[in-house]
């Protein structure tokens, strides 16, 4: 749950501590320092700044969320759960900016990964369907709405309403 700057600062402190304990031949403490440095590096690549971006996104600070997501050096290196969440949040940011093509791409990728809940998974599928309805790609929209059927038992009433509205829109065409 660090920004990249904070992670670098803490890593730097552990490197200084490592040099200090090696100078005084305290190898057990050196091993602990190396372990923490490794943990920070692992977090940099596998966890990223996703938790902070999610917090900013939920507070409707979309610019901050986008900046935090851009700090992730290689999204494909994130853990599976983080990658899905990364794509889901980035899709939401793109949707807020009305960049529908990018939002569609991010939500499609998010739907391939495990998300926090089945409702989030359905939300990603519905967003893709809704964007395709806007773009006039009705077959793709129908296909994505059909994917929501297997989660029909566990989705919320609010999400069911959204699905019904998209289906009504599809019936018009």
N, C-alpha and C. Protein backbone atom coordinates (compact mmCIF):
# COMPACT_ATOMS: atom_id res chain seq x y z
N UNK A 1 0.82 -1.18 0.00
CA UNK A 1 0.00 0.00 0.00
C UNK A 1 0.87 1.25 0.00
N UNK A 2 1.96 1.18 -0.72
CA UNK A 2 2.89 2.30 -0.84
C UNK A 2 2.78 2.92 -2.22
N UNK A 3 3.06 4.21 -2.29
CA UNK A 3 3.31 4.81 -3.60
C UNK A 3 4.72 4.37 -4.00
N UNK A 4 5.05 4.54 -5.24
CA UNK A 4 6.39 4.12 -5.67
C UNK A 4 7.46 4.96 -4.98
N UNK A 5 7.19 6.23 -4.76
CA UNK A 5 8.16 7.09 -4.09
C UNK A 5 8.41 6.61 -2.65
N UNK A 6 7.33 6.30 -1.94
CA UNK A 6 7.46 5.81 -0.56
C UNK A 6 8.19 4.47 -0.53
N UNK A 7 7.89 3.62 -1.50
CA UNK A 7 8.53 2.32 -1.56
C UNK A 7 10.04 2.48 -1.79
N UNK A 8 10.42 3.41 -2.66
CA UNK A 8 11.84 3.66 -2.89
C UNK A 8 12.52 4.21 -1.64
N UNK A 9 11.83 5.09 -0.94
CA UNK A 9 12.40 5.66 0.28
C UNK A 9 12.63 4.58 1.34
N UNK A 10 11.65 3.73 1.54
CA UNK A 10 11.77 2.67 2.55
C UNK A 10 12.86 1.67 2.12
N UNK A 11 12.90 1.35 0.83
CA UNK A 11 13.94 0.44 0.34
C UNK A 11 15.32 1.05 0.58
N UNK A 12 15.44 2.36 0.32
CA UNK A 12 16.71 3.04 0.57
C UNK A 12 17.12 2.97 2.04
N UNK A 13 16.14 3.13 2.92
CA UNK A 13 16.44 3.03 4.35
C UNK A 13 16.91 1.62 4.72
N UNK A 14 16.28 0.61 4.14
CA UNK A 14 16.71 -0.76 4.42
C UNK A 14 18.10 -1.04 3.84
N UNK A 15 18.43 -0.44 2.72
CA UNK A 15 19.77 -0.63 2.15
C UNK A 15 20.82 0.03 3.05
N UNK A 16 20.51 1.21 3.57
CA UNK A 16 21.43 1.87 4.50
C UNK A 16 21.58 1.01 5.76
N UNK A 17 20.47 0.51 6.28
CA UNK A 17 20.53 -0.36 7.46
C UNK A 17 21.31 -1.63 7.16
N UNK A 18 21.15 -2.16 5.94
CA UNK A 18 21.89 -3.36 5.54
C UNK A 18 23.39 -3.10 5.56
N UNK A 19 23.80 -1.96 5.02
CA UNK A 19 25.23 -1.61 5.03
C UNK A 19 25.74 -1.48 6.46
N UNK A 20 24.95 -0.88 7.31
CA UNK A 20 25.33 -0.70 8.71
C UNK A 20 25.50 -2.03 9.41
N UNK A 21 24.52 -2.93 9.27
CA UNK A 21 24.60 -4.21 9.99
C UNK A 21 25.68 -5.12 9.40
N UNK A 22 25.96 -5.00 8.11
CA UNK A 22 27.04 -5.79 7.52
C UNK A 22 28.40 -5.30 8.02
N UNK A 23 28.51 -3.99 8.20
CA UNK A 23 29.76 -3.42 8.71
C UNK A 23 30.08 -3.99 10.10
N UNK A 24 29.05 -4.18 10.91
CA UNK A 24 29.24 -4.69 12.26
C UNK A 24 29.03 -6.20 12.34
N UNK A 25 28.94 -6.86 11.20
CA UNK A 25 28.86 -8.32 11.08
C UNK A 25 27.67 -8.91 11.86
N UNK A 26 26.53 -8.27 11.73
CA UNK A 26 25.29 -8.78 12.32
C UNK A 26 24.49 -9.43 11.18
N UNK A 27 24.86 -10.65 10.89
CA UNK A 27 24.33 -11.31 9.70
C UNK A 27 22.84 -11.66 9.81
N UNK A 28 22.37 -11.90 11.01
CA UNK A 28 20.94 -12.20 11.17
C UNK A 28 20.10 -10.98 10.80
N UNK A 29 20.53 -9.80 11.27
CA UNK A 29 19.82 -8.57 10.92
C UNK A 29 19.99 -8.24 9.43
N UNK A 30 21.13 -8.60 8.87
CA UNK A 30 21.33 -8.39 7.43
C UNK A 30 20.34 -9.24 6.64
N UNK A 31 20.13 -10.46 7.10
CA UNK A 31 19.18 -11.34 6.41
C UNK A 31 17.76 -10.76 6.50
N UNK A 32 17.41 -10.20 7.63
CA UNK A 32 16.08 -9.59 7.79
C UNK A 32 15.95 -8.39 6.84
N UNK A 33 17.00 -7.58 6.75
CA UNK A 33 16.98 -6.44 5.83
C UNK A 33 16.82 -6.89 4.39
N UNK A 34 17.55 -7.91 4.01
CA UNK A 34 17.43 -8.44 2.64
C UNK A 34 16.02 -8.96 2.39
N UNK A 35 15.45 -9.61 3.40
CA UNK A 35 14.08 -10.11 3.26
C UNK A 35 13.10 -8.95 3.04
N UNK A 36 13.23 -7.89 3.81
CA UNK A 36 12.33 -6.75 3.64
C UNK A 36 12.54 -6.05 2.30
N UNK A 37 13.77 -5.94 1.86
CA UNK A 37 14.04 -5.35 0.55
C UNK A 37 13.39 -6.21 -0.54
N UNK A 38 13.53 -7.52 -0.42
CA UNK A 38 12.89 -8.43 -1.37
C UNK A 38 11.38 -8.30 -1.35
N UNK A 39 10.81 -8.16 -0.17
CA UNK A 39 9.36 -8.00 -0.03
C UNK A 39 8.88 -6.70 -0.68
N UNK A 40 9.65 -5.64 -0.51
CA UNK A 40 9.29 -4.37 -1.13
C UNK A 40 9.39 -4.45 -2.66
N UNK A 41 10.41 -5.12 -3.16
CA UNK A 41 10.54 -5.29 -4.61
C UNK A 41 9.42 -6.16 -5.16
N UNK A 42 9.08 -7.22 -4.44
CA UNK A 42 7.97 -8.09 -4.86
C UNK A 42 6.68 -7.28 -4.92
N UNK A 43 6.44 -6.46 -3.91
CA UNK A 43 5.24 -5.62 -3.88
C UNK A 43 5.20 -4.61 -5.01
N UNK A 44 6.36 -4.12 -5.39
CA UNK A 44 6.45 -3.16 -6.48
C UNK A 44 5.93 -3.77 -7.78
N UNK A 45 6.32 -5.01 -8.05
CA UNK A 45 5.92 -5.64 -9.30
C UNK A 45 4.60 -6.39 -9.22
N UNK A 46 4.28 -7.00 -8.08
CA UNK A 46 3.09 -7.86 -7.98
C UNK A 46 1.87 -7.16 -7.40
N UNK A 47 2.08 -6.12 -6.59
CA UNK A 47 0.96 -5.44 -5.95
C UNK A 47 0.73 -4.03 -6.53
N UNK A 48 1.80 -3.33 -6.81
CA UNK A 48 1.70 -2.00 -7.38
C UNK A 48 1.01 -1.01 -6.47
N UNK A 49 0.40 -0.03 -7.07
CA UNK A 49 -0.29 1.03 -6.33
C UNK A 49 -1.81 0.88 -6.45
N UNK A 50 -2.27 -0.34 -6.65
CA UNK A 50 -3.67 -0.61 -6.95
C UNK A 50 -4.58 -0.23 -5.77
N UNK A 51 -4.19 -0.55 -4.55
CA UNK A 51 -5.03 -0.26 -3.39
C UNK A 51 -5.23 1.25 -3.24
N UNK A 52 -4.17 2.01 -3.42
CA UNK A 52 -4.27 3.47 -3.32
C UNK A 52 -5.12 4.03 -4.46
N UNK A 53 -4.96 3.46 -5.65
CA UNK A 53 -5.77 3.90 -6.80
C UNK A 53 -7.25 3.60 -6.56
N UNK A 54 -7.53 2.44 -5.98
CA UNK A 54 -8.93 2.08 -5.69
C UNK A 54 -9.53 3.05 -4.68
N UNK A 55 -8.74 3.41 -3.68
CA UNK A 55 -9.22 4.36 -2.68
C UNK A 55 -9.52 5.71 -3.33
N UNK A 56 -8.63 6.18 -4.18
CA UNK A 56 -8.86 7.45 -4.88
C UNK A 56 -10.07 7.35 -5.81
N UNK A 57 -10.22 6.21 -6.47
CA UNK A 57 -11.36 6.01 -7.38
C UNK A 57 -12.68 6.06 -6.62
N UNK A 58 -12.74 5.41 -5.47
CA UNK A 58 -13.96 5.40 -4.67
C UNK A 58 -14.27 6.77 -4.07
N UNK A 59 -13.23 7.60 -3.93
CA UNK A 59 -13.44 8.97 -3.47
C UNK A 59 -13.72 9.92 -4.64
N UNK A 60 -13.85 9.34 -5.83
CA UNK A 60 -14.14 10.07 -7.07
C UNK A 60 -13.03 11.04 -7.45
N UNK A 61 -11.81 10.75 -7.06
CA UNK A 61 -10.63 11.52 -7.46
C UNK A 61 -9.99 10.76 -8.62
N UNK A 62 -10.57 10.91 -9.81
CA UNK A 62 -10.19 10.09 -10.95
C UNK A 62 -8.80 10.42 -11.49
N UNK A 63 -8.39 11.68 -11.39
CA UNK A 63 -7.05 12.04 -11.84
C UNK A 63 -5.98 11.37 -10.97
N UNK A 64 -6.20 11.40 -9.67
CA UNK A 64 -5.25 10.76 -8.75
C UNK A 64 -5.22 9.25 -8.99
N UNK A 65 -6.40 8.66 -9.19
CA UNK A 65 -6.47 7.22 -9.45
C UNK A 65 -5.71 6.88 -10.72
N UNK A 66 -5.90 7.68 -11.76
CA UNK A 66 -5.19 7.42 -13.01
C UNK A 66 -3.68 7.56 -12.85
N UNK A 67 -3.25 8.60 -12.13
CA UNK A 67 -1.81 8.77 -11.90
C UNK A 67 -1.22 7.61 -11.12
N UNK A 68 -1.96 7.10 -10.14
CA UNK A 68 -1.48 5.95 -9.37
C UNK A 68 -1.43 4.69 -10.24
N UNK A 69 -2.40 4.53 -11.12
CA UNK A 69 -2.39 3.37 -12.02
C UNK A 69 -1.25 3.46 -13.03
N UNK A 70 -0.92 4.68 -13.44
CA UNK A 70 0.19 4.86 -14.39
C UNK A 70 1.54 4.56 -13.75
N UNK A 71 1.59 4.53 -12.42
CA UNK A 71 2.85 4.21 -11.73
C UNK A 71 3.18 2.73 -11.80
N UNK A 72 2.22 1.91 -12.20
CA UNK A 72 2.47 0.47 -12.31
C UNK A 72 3.34 0.26 -13.55
N UNK A 73 4.57 -0.24 -13.37
CA UNK A 73 5.49 -0.32 -14.50
C UNK A 73 5.06 -1.31 -15.59
N UNK A 74 4.62 -2.48 -15.19
CA UNK A 74 4.19 -3.50 -16.15
C UNK A 74 2.94 -4.18 -15.59
N UNK A 75 1.76 -3.75 -16.05
CA UNK A 75 0.53 -4.34 -15.52
C UNK A 75 0.46 -5.85 -15.70
N UNK A 76 1.07 -6.37 -16.74
CA UNK A 76 1.02 -7.82 -16.97
C UNK A 76 1.80 -8.60 -15.91
N UNK A 77 2.64 -7.94 -15.13
CA UNK A 77 3.39 -8.60 -14.06
C UNK A 77 2.63 -8.62 -12.74
N UNK A 78 1.52 -7.89 -12.66
CA UNK A 78 0.74 -7.88 -11.43
C UNK A 78 0.17 -9.26 -11.14
N UNK A 79 -0.12 -9.54 -9.88
CA UNK A 79 -0.78 -10.80 -9.54
C UNK A 79 -2.16 -10.82 -10.21
N UNK A 80 -2.74 -11.99 -10.36
CA UNK A 80 -4.01 -12.11 -11.08
C UNK A 80 -5.11 -11.24 -10.48
N UNK A 81 -5.23 -11.27 -9.18
CA UNK A 81 -6.29 -10.48 -8.53
C UNK A 81 -6.04 -8.99 -8.71
N UNK A 82 -4.81 -8.58 -8.60
CA UNK A 82 -4.48 -7.16 -8.77
C UNK A 82 -4.65 -6.73 -10.23
N UNK A 83 -4.32 -7.60 -11.17
CA UNK A 83 -4.44 -7.24 -12.58
C UNK A 83 -5.90 -7.00 -12.95
N UNK A 84 -6.78 -7.86 -12.50
CA UNK A 84 -8.20 -7.66 -12.77
C UNK A 84 -8.71 -6.36 -12.17
N UNK A 85 -8.30 -6.10 -10.95
CA UNK A 85 -8.72 -4.88 -10.27
C UNK A 85 -8.13 -3.65 -10.95
N UNK A 86 -6.87 -3.75 -11.38
CA UNK A 86 -6.21 -2.67 -12.13
C UNK A 86 -7.01 -2.33 -13.38
N UNK A 87 -7.36 -3.34 -14.16
CA UNK A 87 -8.10 -3.12 -15.40
C UNK A 87 -9.50 -2.57 -15.11
N UNK A 88 -10.14 -3.08 -14.07
CA UNK A 88 -11.48 -2.63 -13.71
C UNK A 88 -11.47 -1.14 -13.33
N UNK A 89 -10.51 -0.74 -12.50
CA UNK A 89 -10.43 0.66 -12.08
C UNK A 89 -10.06 1.54 -13.27
N UNK A 90 -9.11 1.08 -14.09
CA UNK A 90 -8.69 1.87 -15.25
C UNK A 90 -9.86 2.03 -16.23
N UNK A 91 -10.66 0.99 -16.37
CA UNK A 91 -11.85 1.09 -17.21
C UNK A 91 -12.81 2.15 -16.68
N UNK A 92 -12.98 2.18 -15.36
CA UNK A 92 -13.84 3.19 -14.75
C UNK A 92 -13.31 4.60 -14.95
N UNK A 93 -12.00 4.76 -14.85
CA UNK A 93 -11.38 6.08 -15.07
C UNK A 93 -11.61 6.51 -16.53
N UNK A 94 -11.40 5.59 -17.46
CA UNK A 94 -11.61 5.91 -18.88
C UNK A 94 -13.07 6.22 -19.16
N UNK A 95 -13.96 5.53 -18.50
CA UNK A 95 -15.39 5.80 -18.65
C UNK A 95 -15.73 7.21 -18.18
N UNK A 96 -15.15 7.62 -17.05
CA UNK A 96 -15.38 8.97 -16.53
C UNK A 96 -14.84 10.03 -17.49
N UNK A 97 -13.76 9.71 -18.18
CA UNK A 97 -13.16 10.64 -19.14
C UNK A 97 -13.82 10.56 -20.51
N UNK A 98 -14.82 9.67 -20.63
CA UNK A 98 -15.56 9.44 -21.87
C UNK A 98 -14.66 8.92 -22.99
N UNK A 99 -13.67 8.13 -22.61
CA UNK A 99 -12.80 7.44 -23.57
C UNK A 99 -13.31 6.01 -23.68
N UNK A 100 -14.37 5.84 -24.46
CA UNK A 100 -15.12 4.60 -24.46
C UNK A 100 -14.34 3.43 -25.07
N UNK A 101 -13.52 3.68 -26.07
CA UNK A 101 -12.76 2.59 -26.67
C UNK A 101 -11.76 2.01 -25.67
N UNK A 102 -11.06 2.89 -24.98
CA UNK A 102 -10.11 2.42 -23.97
C UNK A 102 -10.82 1.75 -22.81
N UNK A 103 -11.95 2.31 -22.39
CA UNK A 103 -12.71 1.72 -21.29
C UNK A 103 -13.15 0.31 -21.66
N UNK A 104 -13.61 0.13 -22.90
CA UNK A 104 -14.03 -1.20 -23.35
C UNK A 104 -12.88 -2.19 -23.27
N UNK A 105 -11.71 -1.78 -23.73
CA UNK A 105 -10.53 -2.66 -23.69
C UNK A 105 -10.19 -3.06 -22.26
N UNK A 106 -10.21 -2.10 -21.37
CA UNK A 106 -9.86 -2.40 -19.97
C UNK A 106 -10.90 -3.31 -19.32
N UNK A 107 -12.16 -3.06 -19.58
CA UNK A 107 -13.20 -3.91 -18.99
C UNK A 107 -13.17 -5.32 -19.58
N UNK A 108 -12.83 -5.44 -20.86
CA UNK A 108 -12.71 -6.78 -21.44
C UNK A 108 -11.59 -7.57 -20.77
N UNK A 109 -10.48 -6.91 -20.53
CA UNK A 109 -9.36 -7.58 -19.85
C UNK A 109 -9.74 -7.90 -18.41
N UNK A 110 -10.43 -6.97 -17.74
CA UNK A 110 -10.85 -7.19 -16.35
C UNK A 110 -11.74 -8.41 -16.24
N UNK A 111 -12.59 -8.63 -17.23
CA UNK A 111 -13.52 -9.76 -17.19
C UNK A 111 -12.78 -11.10 -17.31
N UNK A 112 -11.55 -11.07 -17.76
CA UNK A 112 -10.76 -12.31 -17.89
C UNK A 112 -10.10 -12.73 -16.58
N UNK A 113 -10.05 -11.82 -15.62
CA UNK A 113 -9.35 -12.07 -14.36
C UNK A 113 -10.35 -12.16 -13.21
N UNK A 114 -9.95 -12.80 -12.12
CA UNK A 114 -10.83 -12.83 -10.95
C UNK A 114 -10.93 -11.42 -10.36
N UNK A 115 -12.14 -11.03 -10.03
CA UNK A 115 -12.36 -9.73 -9.41
C UNK A 115 -12.82 -9.93 -7.98
N UNK A 116 -13.05 -8.85 -7.30
CA UNK A 116 -13.42 -8.90 -5.89
C UNK A 116 -14.66 -9.74 -5.65
N UNK A 117 -15.64 -9.57 -6.53
CA UNK A 117 -16.89 -10.29 -6.36
C UNK A 117 -17.48 -10.61 -7.73
N UNK A 118 -18.46 -11.49 -7.74
CA UNK A 118 -19.15 -11.81 -8.99
C UNK A 118 -19.87 -10.58 -9.51
N UNK A 119 -20.30 -9.71 -8.63
CA UNK A 119 -20.98 -8.49 -9.04
C UNK A 119 -20.03 -7.58 -9.83
N UNK A 120 -18.78 -7.49 -9.41
CA UNK A 120 -17.79 -6.71 -10.15
C UNK A 120 -17.54 -7.32 -11.53
N UNK A 121 -17.50 -8.64 -11.57
CA UNK A 121 -17.31 -9.34 -12.84
C UNK A 121 -18.47 -9.02 -13.78
N UNK A 122 -19.68 -9.09 -13.27
CA UNK A 122 -20.87 -8.78 -14.07
C UNK A 122 -20.84 -7.31 -14.48
N UNK A 123 -20.41 -6.43 -13.60
CA UNK A 123 -20.33 -5.00 -13.93
C UNK A 123 -19.38 -4.77 -15.11
N UNK A 124 -18.25 -5.46 -15.12
CA UNK A 124 -17.31 -5.33 -16.23
C UNK A 124 -17.97 -5.79 -17.53
N UNK A 125 -18.66 -6.92 -17.48
CA UNK A 125 -19.34 -7.44 -18.68
C UNK A 125 -20.43 -6.48 -19.16
N UNK A 126 -21.19 -5.93 -18.24
CA UNK A 126 -22.27 -5.01 -18.59
C UNK A 126 -21.70 -3.71 -19.17
N UNK A 127 -20.60 -3.23 -18.61
CA UNK A 127 -19.98 -2.03 -19.17
C UNK A 127 -19.56 -2.26 -20.63
N UNK A 128 -18.97 -3.41 -20.89
CA UNK A 128 -18.58 -3.72 -22.27
C UNK A 128 -19.81 -3.78 -23.17
N UNK A 129 -20.87 -4.41 -22.69
CA UNK A 129 -22.11 -4.50 -23.47
C UNK A 129 -22.69 -3.11 -23.72
N UNK A 130 -22.73 -2.28 -22.70
CA UNK A 130 -23.27 -0.94 -22.82
C UNK A 130 -22.47 -0.09 -23.81
N UNK A 131 -21.16 -0.18 -23.76
CA UNK A 131 -20.31 0.57 -24.69
C UNK A 131 -20.56 0.10 -26.11
N UNK A 132 -20.73 -1.20 -26.29
CA UNK A 132 -20.99 -1.72 -27.63
C UNK A 132 -22.37 -1.32 -28.14
N UNK A 133 -23.34 -1.18 -27.25
CA UNK A 133 -24.65 -0.67 -27.67
C UNK A 133 -24.49 0.77 -28.17
N UNK A 134 -23.73 1.56 -27.45
CA UNK A 134 -23.47 2.94 -27.86
C UNK A 134 -22.80 3.00 -29.23
N UNK A 135 -21.88 2.05 -29.47
CA UNK A 135 -21.13 2.04 -30.73
C UNK A 135 -21.88 1.34 -31.86
N UNK A 136 -23.03 0.77 -31.57
CA UNK A 136 -23.82 0.11 -32.60
C UNK A 136 -23.39 -1.31 -32.89
N UNK A 137 -22.56 -1.89 -32.04
CA UNK A 137 -22.11 -3.27 -32.21
C UNK A 137 -23.01 -4.17 -31.34
N UNK A 138 -24.22 -4.41 -31.84
CA UNK A 138 -25.25 -5.07 -31.04
C UNK A 138 -24.97 -6.56 -30.81
N UNK A 139 -24.33 -7.22 -31.75
CA UNK A 139 -24.04 -8.65 -31.58
C UNK A 139 -23.04 -8.87 -30.43
N UNK A 140 -22.04 -8.02 -30.40
CA UNK A 140 -21.05 -8.13 -29.32
C UNK A 140 -21.70 -7.80 -27.97
N UNK A 141 -22.59 -6.81 -27.98
CA UNK A 141 -23.29 -6.45 -26.75
C UNK A 141 -24.14 -7.62 -26.26
N UNK A 142 -24.83 -8.30 -27.16
CA UNK A 142 -25.65 -9.46 -26.78
C UNK A 142 -24.77 -10.58 -26.21
N UNK A 143 -23.62 -10.78 -26.85
CA UNK A 143 -22.72 -11.84 -26.38
C UNK A 143 -22.25 -11.57 -24.95
N UNK A 144 -21.92 -10.33 -24.65
CA UNK A 144 -21.46 -10.00 -23.30
C UNK A 144 -22.59 -10.07 -22.29
N UNK A 145 -23.79 -9.70 -22.70
CA UNK A 145 -24.93 -9.84 -21.78
C UNK A 145 -25.23 -11.31 -21.49
N UNK A 146 -25.03 -12.17 -22.48
CA UNK A 146 -25.24 -13.60 -22.24
C UNK A 146 -24.24 -14.16 -21.24
N UNK A 147 -23.05 -13.59 -21.20
CA UNK A 147 -22.05 -14.03 -20.22
C UNK A 147 -22.48 -13.72 -18.79
N UNK A 148 -23.35 -12.74 -18.63
CA UNK A 148 -23.81 -12.39 -17.28
C UNK A 148 -24.82 -13.41 -16.75
N UNK A 149 -25.39 -14.23 -17.62
CA UNK A 149 -26.44 -15.18 -17.22
C UNK A 149 -25.96 -16.19 -16.18
N UNK A 150 -24.69 -16.59 -16.25
CA UNK A 150 -24.23 -17.61 -15.30
C UNK A 150 -24.06 -17.06 -13.88
N UNK A 151 -24.14 -15.74 -13.73
CA UNK A 151 -24.06 -15.12 -12.40
C UNK A 151 -25.41 -14.59 -11.95
N UNK A 152 -26.46 -14.98 -12.63
CA UNK A 152 -27.79 -14.41 -12.40
C UNK A 152 -28.26 -14.54 -10.94
N UNK A 153 -27.87 -15.60 -10.27
CA UNK A 153 -28.34 -15.86 -8.91
C UNK A 153 -27.72 -14.93 -7.87
N UNK A 154 -26.53 -14.43 -8.13
CA UNK A 154 -25.79 -13.72 -7.09
C UNK A 154 -25.61 -12.23 -7.34
N UNK A 155 -26.11 -11.71 -8.44
CA UNK A 155 -25.92 -10.28 -8.69
C UNK A 155 -26.97 -9.46 -7.95
N UNK A 156 -26.63 -8.22 -7.69
CA UNK A 156 -27.51 -7.34 -6.91
C UNK A 156 -28.69 -6.85 -7.74
N UNK A 157 -29.68 -6.34 -7.05
CA UNK A 157 -30.88 -5.83 -7.72
C UNK A 157 -30.54 -4.63 -8.61
N UNK A 158 -29.61 -3.81 -8.14
CA UNK A 158 -29.20 -2.64 -8.92
C UNK A 158 -28.57 -3.08 -10.25
N UNK A 159 -27.74 -4.11 -10.18
CA UNK A 159 -27.10 -4.60 -11.39
C UNK A 159 -28.12 -5.24 -12.32
N UNK A 160 -29.11 -5.90 -11.75
CA UNK A 160 -30.18 -6.50 -12.58
C UNK A 160 -30.94 -5.41 -13.33
N UNK A 161 -31.16 -4.27 -12.67
CA UNK A 161 -31.83 -3.15 -13.33
C UNK A 161 -31.00 -2.62 -14.50
N UNK A 162 -29.70 -2.53 -14.30
CA UNK A 162 -28.81 -2.05 -15.37
C UNK A 162 -28.84 -3.02 -16.54
N UNK A 163 -28.81 -4.31 -16.25
CA UNK A 163 -28.86 -5.33 -17.31
C UNK A 163 -30.17 -5.22 -18.08
N UNK A 164 -31.27 -5.02 -17.37
CA UNK A 164 -32.57 -4.89 -18.04
C UNK A 164 -32.61 -3.66 -18.95
N UNK A 165 -32.00 -2.56 -18.51
CA UNK A 165 -31.97 -1.35 -19.35
C UNK A 165 -31.15 -1.58 -20.62
N UNK A 166 -30.03 -2.27 -20.50
CA UNK A 166 -29.22 -2.56 -21.69
C UNK A 166 -29.98 -3.51 -22.61
N UNK A 167 -30.67 -4.49 -22.03
CA UNK A 167 -31.46 -5.41 -22.85
C UNK A 167 -32.59 -4.68 -23.57
N UNK A 168 -33.23 -3.72 -22.90
CA UNK A 168 -34.28 -2.93 -23.55
C UNK A 168 -33.71 -2.13 -24.72
N UNK A 169 -32.54 -1.60 -24.51
CA UNK A 169 -31.87 -0.84 -25.57
C UNK A 169 -31.57 -1.75 -26.76
N UNK A 170 -31.17 -2.99 -26.47
CA UNK A 170 -30.87 -3.94 -27.54
C UNK A 170 -32.16 -4.34 -28.31
N UNK A 171 -33.26 -4.42 -27.61
CA UNK A 171 -34.53 -4.79 -28.27
C UNK A 171 -34.97 -3.72 -29.26
N UNK A 172 -34.58 -2.51 -29.03
CA UNK A 172 -34.95 -1.42 -29.95
C UNK A 172 -34.27 -1.56 -31.30
N UNK A 173 -33.17 -2.31 -31.33
CA UNK A 173 -32.37 -2.39 -32.57
C UNK A 173 -32.42 -3.76 -33.14
